Amino acid sequence: MKINETKDGTIIEVFVKPNQPKFNVTIDDDEILVSSTEEPVKGKVNKELIKELSKLFQAKVKLVSGATSRQKQLLIKGVGKKQVEQLLHKLRL
């Protein structure tokens, strides 16, 4: 998993699959996969991603890079790398 801690929080790299029946976050071969229910039009996927991951991590989430790509980097503000890894580890179980 690509997780880097910064002074502002933790940056995670995710791979997004749009147009899925249900929003879901899974870990597959050390890659964070996000299934989005939205279609990749007018930033709908990015909005859903930010909204749902903000709920999951209970923190503000900001898109750092990959606005038009399936590979995205997101900053989870004020959350340490260890907390992010623990939460993601629970998803793996």
Protein backbone atom coordinates (compact mmCIF):
# COMPACT_ATOMS: atom_id res chain seq x y z
CA MET A 1 0.00 0.00 0.00
CA LYS A 2 1.24 3.43 -0.81
CA ILE A 3 0.77 5.45 2.37
CA ASN A 4 2.91 8.47 3.23
CA GLU A 5 2.69 10.63 6.32
CA THR A 6 3.09 14.41 5.89
CA LYS A 7 2.89 17.35 8.30
CA ASP A 8 -0.77 17.86 7.25
CA GLY A 9 -1.89 14.24 7.53
CA THR A 10 -1.51 11.04 5.53
CA ILE A 11 -1.55 10.58 1.75
CA ILE A 12 -2.97 7.32 0.39
CA GLU A 13 -2.96 6.12 -3.19
CA VAL A 14 -6.13 4.41 -4.40
CA PHE A 15 -7.34 2.81 -7.62
CA VAL A 16 -10.97 3.64 -8.43
CA LYS A 17 -13.46 1.46 -10.30
CA PRO A 18 -16.44 3.64 -11.35
CA ASN A 19 -20.01 2.46 -12.13
CA GLN A 20 -20.08 -0.29 -9.48
CA PRO A 21 -23.32 -1.43 -7.80
CA LYS A 22 -22.07 -0.50 -4.30
CA PHE A 23 -19.46 1.85 -2.80
CA ASN A 24 -16.74 -0.30 -1.27
CA VAL A 25 -13.11 -0.06 -0.16
CA THR A 26 -11.01 -3.22 -0.34
CA ILE A 27 -7.34 -4.17 -0.20
CA ASP A 28 -6.00 -6.39 -2.99
CA ASP A 29 -2.31 -7.30 -3.26
CA ASP A 30 -1.30 -4.22 -1.24
CA GLU A 31 -3.40 -1.92 -3.43
CA ILE A 32 -6.33 0.07 -2.08
CA LEU A 33 -9.29 -0.48 -4.44
CA VAL A 34 -12.36 1.74 -4.28
CA SER A 35 -15.59 0.76 -6.02
CA SER A 36 -17.62 3.88 -6.78
CA THR A 37 -21.32 3.90 -7.64
CA GLU A 38 -20.92 7.10 -9.68
CA GLU A 39 -19.99 7.41 -13.34
CA PRO A 40 -16.78 9.30 -14.20
CA VAL A 41 -18.52 12.50 -15.36
CA LYS A 42 -18.10 16.04 -13.99
CA GLY A 43 -16.12 14.90 -10.95
CA LYS A 44 -18.94 12.76 -9.54
CA VAL A 45 -16.57 9.93 -8.63
CA ASN A 46 -14.20 12.34 -6.87
CA LYS A 47 -17.04 13.88 -4.85
CA GLU A 48 -18.31 10.46 -3.75
CA LEU A 49 -14.77 9.36 -2.92
CA ILE A 50 -14.13 12.39 -0.71
CA LYS A 51 -17.53 12.12 1.00
CA GLU A 52 -17.32 8.38 1.75
CA LEU A 53 -13.65 8.34 2.78
CA SER A 54 -14.27 11.33 5.07
CA LYS A 55 -16.91 9.19 6.83
CA LEU A 56 -14.61 6.15 6.95
CA PHE A 57 -11.61 8.00 8.40
CA GLN A 58 -13.73 10.54 10.32
CA ALA A 59 -11.51 13.30 8.97
CA LYS A 60 -11.38 15.82 6.16
CA VAL A 61 -10.19 14.25 2.88
CA LYS A 62 -8.73 16.20 -0.04
CA LEU A 63 -7.88 15.02 -3.56
CA VAL A 64 -4.16 15.67 -4.11
CA SER A 65 -3.71 14.23 -7.60
CA GLY A 66 -5.49 12.13 -10.22
CA ALA A 67 -8.64 14.20 -10.74
CA THR A 68 -9.20 12.64 -14.18
CA SER A 69 -7.39 9.34 -13.56
CA ARG A 70 -8.43 6.09 -11.92
CA GLN A 71 -5.22 6.23 -9.87
CA LYS A 72 -5.68 8.93 -7.22
CA GLN A 73 -3.82 10.34 -4.24
CA LEU A 74 -5.86 11.58 -1.31
CA LEU A 75 -4.78 13.50 1.77
CA ILE A 76 -6.47 12.48 5.01
CA LYS A 77 -6.00 15.59 7.12
CA GLY A 78 -4.85 15.32 10.72
CA VAL A 79 -4.68 11.51 10.73
CA GLY A 80 -1.41 9.66 11.23
CA LYS A 81 -0.10 6.86 9.06
CA LYS A 82 -0.50 4.33 11.88
CA GLN A 83 -4.22 5.15 12.29
CA VAL A 84 -4.80 4.88 8.53
CA GLU A 85 -3.01 1.52 8.38
CA GLN A 86 -5.04 0.19 11.32
CA LEU A 87 -8.32 1.20 9.71
CA LEU A 88 -7.32 -0.27 6.34
CA HIS A 89 -6.15 -3.46 8.06
CA LYS A 90 -9.67 -3.91 9.46
CA LEU A 91 -11.01 -3.75 5.88
CA ARG A 92 -8.70 -6.59 4.92
CA LEU A 93 -10.22 -8.98 7.48
